[in-house]
């Protein structure tokens, strides 16, 4: 698969559409045309009152256009922004991203909050901060957001101020890539999953957990030497990680395999 270089000069939706095409999921041209049509249509919902404008956006997005959560939530299709635009189904990240872009067309600022396992939206109108569920558009209380965190991290987890920090564009695209990678693994599309890891490591070269994930993917592809190299890198840089003994066992087992070349 040809190398697609990520850099810090990214934009949405262009970068997300190009990534989808690069990974072989959909064509960026069809997604861009669908986006242009939507971006033009939303302007008819511009009203003077900002809160009414936001309410109108949500009503149009979910009720008139029919955007909704995709049933196979952890699939590639749910995590693919191009698919979300074309089929009007997605996960919390892809739906959030589209709403952020559409709100911008209406001079409304929506921001992404990357909770563990869930992306939510933040609005601030007349100095009032509200959080919204991108799967439905409904407002979320702090209690409900805490429940989302506990559902991902366990009942003892707290809702920390860091959880409520708004995401940069780089972090939002990174989450999309992580979710695309997970969807690829679920559907056994290991070559695309490997490329997702490679792209993420361009931006996050110090994230050794990506090396460990890539080792698993490489093993599925029969690239034992690559897998061993990534596991050794993890061991060298994370000697005190709680899973280090397990990784050492994995490396020992892999060393007994014969390298399969592709």
Protein backbone atom coordinates (compact mmCIF):
# COMPACT_ATOMS: atom_id res chain seq x y z
CA UNK A 1 0.00 0.00 0.00
CA UNK A 2 1.43 3.36 -1.03
CA UNK A 3 2.61 5.62 1.74
CA UNK A 4 0.24 8.46 2.59
CA UNK A 5 2.12 11.06 4.60
CA UNK A 6 0.29 12.76 7.43
CA UNK A 7 1.43 16.19 8.49
CA UNK A 8 0.20 18.87 10.83
CA UNK A 9 -1.46 20.85 8.00
CA UNK A 10 -4.62 18.75 7.98
CA UNK A 11 -8.17 19.86 7.36
CA UNK A 12 -11.56 18.24 7.59
CA UNK A 13 -13.34 16.86 5.73
CA UNK A 14 -10.63 16.72 3.04
CA UNK A 15 -8.06 14.81 5.09
CA UNK A 16 -10.61 12.29 6.39
CA UNK A 17 -11.97 11.67 2.87
CA UNK A 18 -8.46 11.24 1.47
CA UNK A 19 -7.59 8.77 4.23
CA UNK A 20 -10.68 6.72 3.41
CA UNK A 21 -9.71 6.59 -0.25
CA UNK A 22 -6.08 5.82 0.62
CA UNK A 23 -7.19 2.86 2.73
CA UNK A 24 -9.41 1.62 -0.11
CA UNK A 25 -12.82 2.16 1.51
CA UNK A 26 -14.42 4.84 -0.68
CA UNK A 27 -13.64 7.55 -3.20
CA UNK A 28 -13.01 11.03 -1.88
CA UNK A 29 -14.71 12.65 -4.90
CA UNK A 30 -18.17 11.20 -4.22
CA UNK A 31 -17.91 12.05 -0.53
CA UNK A 32 -16.84 15.64 -1.30
CA UNK A 33 -19.81 16.18 -3.64
CA UNK A 34 -22.19 14.85 -0.98
CA UNK A 35 -20.56 17.17 1.55
CA UNK A 36 -20.83 20.21 -0.76
CA UNK A 37 -24.55 19.58 -1.21
CA UNK A 38 -25.09 19.29 2.52
CA UNK A 39 -22.96 22.34 3.33
CA UNK A 40 -25.03 24.42 0.93
CA UNK A 41 -28.37 23.14 2.15
CA UNK A 42 -27.68 23.87 5.83
CA UNK A 43 -27.49 27.61 5.13
CA UNK A 44 -31.29 27.71 4.75
CA UNK A 45 -31.48 27.09 8.51
CA UNK A 46 -29.66 30.31 9.41
CA UNK A 47 -31.77 32.34 11.84
CA UNK A 48 -30.82 35.29 14.03
CA UNK A 49 -31.08 33.57 17.41
CA UNK A 50 -28.00 31.42 17.90
CA UNK A 51 -29.63 28.83 20.16
CA UNK A 52 -32.53 28.46 17.74
CA UNK A 53 -29.95 28.04 14.96
CA UNK A 54 -28.27 25.17 16.83
CA UNK A 55 -31.62 23.54 17.65
CA UNK A 56 -32.59 23.85 14.00
CA UNK A 57 -29.32 22.23 12.92
CA UNK A 58 -29.90 19.23 15.18
CA UNK A 59 -33.52 18.85 14.01
CA UNK A 60 -32.49 19.04 10.34
CA UNK A 61 -29.54 16.67 10.78
CA UNK A 62 -31.33 13.90 12.67
CA UNK A 63 -34.96 14.25 11.59
CA UNK A 64 -34.89 15.67 8.06
CA UNK A 65 -31.66 14.11 6.80
CA UNK A 66 -32.02 10.99 8.95
CA UNK A 67 -28.48 10.76 10.31
CA UNK A 68 -28.23 8.04 12.96
CA UNK A 69 -25.92 5.64 14.72
CA UNK A 70 -24.83 2.65 12.64
CA UNK A 71 -25.94 -0.72 14.01
CA UNK A 72 -22.51 -2.35 13.67
CA UNK A 73 -21.02 0.47 15.71
CA UNK A 74 -17.44 -0.81 15.74
CA UNK A 75 -17.22 -1.45 12.00
CA UNK A 76 -15.03 0.29 9.44
CA UNK A 77 -18.15 1.83 7.91
CA UNK A 78 -19.15 3.49 11.18
CA UNK A 79 -15.66 4.98 11.58
CA UNK A 80 -15.34 6.16 7.96
CA UNK A 81 -16.34 9.82 7.49
CA UNK A 82 -16.88 9.30 3.74
CA UNK A 83 -19.32 6.47 4.43
CA UNK A 84 -21.03 8.59 7.09
CA UNK A 85 -21.65 11.41 4.61
CA UNK A 86 -22.86 9.09 1.86
CA UNK A 87 -25.00 6.67 3.92
CA UNK A 88 -25.92 9.00 6.84
CA UNK A 89 -24.83 6.52 9.48
CA UNK A 90 -21.81 6.65 11.75
CA UNK A 91 -20.32 6.46 15.21
CA UNK A 92 -19.91 9.23 17.78
CA UNK A 93 -16.73 10.54 16.14
CA UNK A 94 -17.90 10.68 12.52
CA UNK A 95 -21.29 12.16 13.46
CA UNK A 96 -19.58 14.72 15.72
CA UNK A 97 -17.21 15.72 12.94
CA UNK A 98 -20.01 16.34 10.47
CA UNK A 99 -21.96 18.41 13.00
CA UNK A 100 -18.88 20.50 13.80
CA UNK A 101 -18.45 21.24 10.09
CA UNK A 102 -22.14 22.04 9.53
CA UNK A 103 -22.27 24.25 12.62
CA UNK A 104 -19.34 26.22 11.24
CA UNK A 105 -21.40 26.94 8.13
CA UNK A 106 -23.99 28.53 10.45
CA UNK A 107 -21.40 30.53 12.45
CA UNK A 108 -21.88 28.28 15.48
CA UNK A 109 -18.92 26.80 17.33
CA UNK A 110 -19.25 23.13 18.21
CA UNK A 111 -16.20 21.38 19.63
CA UNK A 112 -15.31 17.72 20.12
CA UNK A 113 -14.69 16.27 23.57
CA UNK A 114 -12.84 12.95 23.39
CA UNK A 115 -14.09 10.99 26.37
CA UNK A 116 -12.63 7.50 26.79
CA UNK A 117 -14.49 5.42 24.22
CA UNK A 118 -16.94 8.16 23.21
CA UNK A 119 -16.82 11.48 21.40
CA UNK A 120 -19.30 14.14 22.55
CA UNK A 121 -20.02 17.70 21.44
CA UNK A 122 -19.64 20.93 23.38
CA UNK A 123 -21.48 24.16 22.61
CA UNK A 124 -21.18 27.55 24.29
CA UNK A 125 -23.94 30.03 23.56
CA UNK A 126 -24.47 33.19 25.62
CA UNK A 127 -21.78 31.93 28.04
CA UNK A 128 -23.77 28.75 28.71
CA UNK A 129 -21.79 25.55 28.13
CA UNK A 130 -23.74 22.47 27.10
CA UNK A 131 -22.71 18.96 26.06
CA UNK A 132 -24.53 16.96 23.40
CA UNK A 133 -24.74 13.31 22.41
CA UNK A 134 -23.75 13.18 18.71
CA UNK A 135 -25.71 9.94 18.27
CA UNK A 136 -29.02 11.71 19.02
CA UNK A 137 -28.37 15.44 19.43
CA UNK A 138 -29.77 15.35 22.95
CA UNK A 139 -28.14 17.30 25.76
CA UNK A 140 -25.90 15.35 28.15
CA UNK A 141 -25.64 16.09 31.86
CA UNK A 142 -22.36 15.79 33.73
CA UNK A 143 -23.81 12.71 35.43
CA UNK A 144 -24.47 11.08 32.05
CA UNK A 145 -20.97 11.93 30.85
CA UNK A 146 -19.52 10.43 34.01
CA UNK A 147 -21.55 7.29 33.29
CA UNK A 148 -19.94 7.09 29.83
CA UNK A 149 -16.48 7.31 31.40
CA UNK A 150 -17.34 4.66 34.01
CA UNK A 151 -18.73 2.41 31.28
CA UNK A 152 -15.35 2.54 29.54
CA UNK A 153 -12.90 2.63 32.46
CA UNK A 154 -14.83 0.96 35.30
CA UNK A 155 -17.11 2.10 38.11
CA UNK A 156 -14.27 3.65 40.12
CA UNK A 157 -13.30 6.04 37.28
CA UNK A 158 -13.83 9.75 37.84
CA UNK A 159 -14.83 12.43 35.35
CA UNK A 160 -11.63 14.46 35.26
CA UNK A 161 -11.13 18.01 33.95
CA UNK A 162 -8.76 16.55 31.35
CA UNK A 163 -11.66 14.51 29.95
CA UNK A 164 -13.51 17.73 29.13
CA UNK A 165 -10.64 19.33 27.22
CA UNK A 166 -11.66 20.19 23.66
CA UNK A 167 -9.89 18.20 20.96
CA UNK A 168 -7.47 19.65 18.46
CA UNK A 169 -7.94 18.75 14.81
CA UNK A 170 -4.92 16.46 15.03
CA UNK A 171 -6.42 14.56 17.99
CA UNK A 172 -9.80 14.26 16.25
CA UNK A 173 -8.25 12.80 13.07
CA UNK A 174 -6.10 10.51 15.25
CA UNK A 175 -9.21 9.16 16.96
CA UNK A 176 -10.80 8.51 13.57
CA UNK A 177 -7.72 6.55 12.53
CA UNK A 178 -7.73 4.56 15.77
CA UNK A 179 -11.38 3.67 15.20
CA UNK A 180 -10.76 2.78 11.57
CA UNK A 181 -7.89 0.55 12.72
CA UNK A 182 -10.13 -1.18 15.25
CA UNK A 183 -12.80 -1.71 12.60
CA UNK A 184 -10.21 -3.19 10.24
CA UNK A 185 -9.06 -5.63 12.91
CA UNK A 186 -12.64 -6.70 13.67
CA UNK A 187 -13.25 -7.41 9.97
CA UNK A 188 -9.79 -9.03 9.48
CA UNK A 189 -8.62 -6.30 7.07
CA UNK A 190 -5.11 -6.51 8.43
CA UNK A 191 -3.29 -4.73 5.63
CA UNK A 192 -5.44 -1.62 6.12
CA UNK A 193 -5.08 -1.96 9.90
CA UNK A 194 -1.30 -2.03 9.46
CA UNK A 195 -1.42 1.13 7.37
CA UNK A 196 -3.54 2.86 10.04
CA UNK A 197 -0.82 2.02 12.58
CA UNK A 198 1.88 3.31 10.27
CA UNK A 199 0.04 6.60 9.76
CA UNK A 200 -0.59 7.04 13.49
CA UNK A 201 3.07 6.40 14.25
CA UNK A 202 3.99 9.29 11.94
CA UNK A 203 2.17 11.63 14.29
CA UNK A 204 2.80 9.76 17.53
CA UNK A 205 6.25 8.14 17.19
CA UNK A 206 6.66 7.89 20.97
CA UNK A 207 3.45 5.90 21.52
CA UNK A 208 4.93 2.45 22.08
CA UNK A 209 1.45 0.95 22.51
CA UNK A 210 1.00 1.53 18.77
CA UNK A 211 4.10 -0.61 18.24
CA UNK A 212 2.55 -3.37 20.31
CA UNK A 213 -0.67 -3.15 18.30
CA UNK A 214 1.27 -3.21 15.04
CA UNK A 215 3.10 -6.32 16.26
CA UNK A 216 -0.23 -8.13 16.63
CA UNK A 217 -1.33 -7.03 13.15
CA UNK A 218 2.02 -7.98 11.61
CA UNK A 219 1.72 -11.43 13.18
CA UNK A 220 -1.69 -11.90 11.53
CA UNK A 221 -0.09 -11.04 8.19
CA UNK A 222 2.74 -13.52 8.79
CA UNK A 223 5.34 -10.76 9.08
CA UNK A 224 7.03 -12.26 12.11
CA UNK A 225 10.24 -10.24 11.87
CA UNK A 226 8.27 -6.96 11.91
CA UNK A 227 6.21 -8.17 14.85
CA UNK A 228 9.33 -9.14 16.80
CA UNK A 229 10.96 -5.78 16.11
CA UNK A 230 7.90 -3.88 17.39
CA UNK A 231 7.64 -6.04 20.53
CA UNK A 232 11.33 -5.56 21.27
CA UNK A 233 10.89 -1.80 20.82
CA UNK A 234 8.03 -1.89 23.33
CA UNK A 235 10.12 -3.85 25.84
CA UNK A 236 13.12 -1.53 25.47
CA UNK A 237 11.11 1.66 25.99
CA UNK A 238 8.50 0.46 28.51
CA UNK A 239 10.34 -1.84 30.94
CA UNK A 240 7.92 -1.08 33.78
CA UNK A 241 4.65 -1.41 31.85
CA UNK A 242 2.15 -3.74 33.62
CA UNK A 243 1.97 -6.00 30.55
CA UNK A 244 5.74 -6.25 30.03
CA UNK A 245 5.99 -9.91 31.10
CA UNK A 246 3.21 -10.87 28.71
CA UNK A 247 4.97 -9.04 25.88
CA UNK A 248 8.21 -10.90 26.67
CA UNK A 249 6.35 -14.20 26.42
CA UNK A 250 4.86 -13.12 23.08
CA UNK A 251 8.31 -12.23 21.79
CA UNK A 252 9.74 -15.56 22.88
CA UNK A 253 6.92 -17.44 21.13
CA UNK A 254 7.39 -15.43 17.95
CA UNK A 255 11.13 -16.14 17.93
CA UNK A 256 10.24 -19.80 17.41
CA UNK A 257 8.27 -19.05 14.24
CA UNK A 258 9.64 -19.02 10.73
CA UNK A 259 9.51 -15.68 8.94
CA UNK A 260 6.92 -15.63 6.18
CA UNK A 261 7.62 -13.13 3.41
CA UNK A 262 4.89 -11.34 1.48
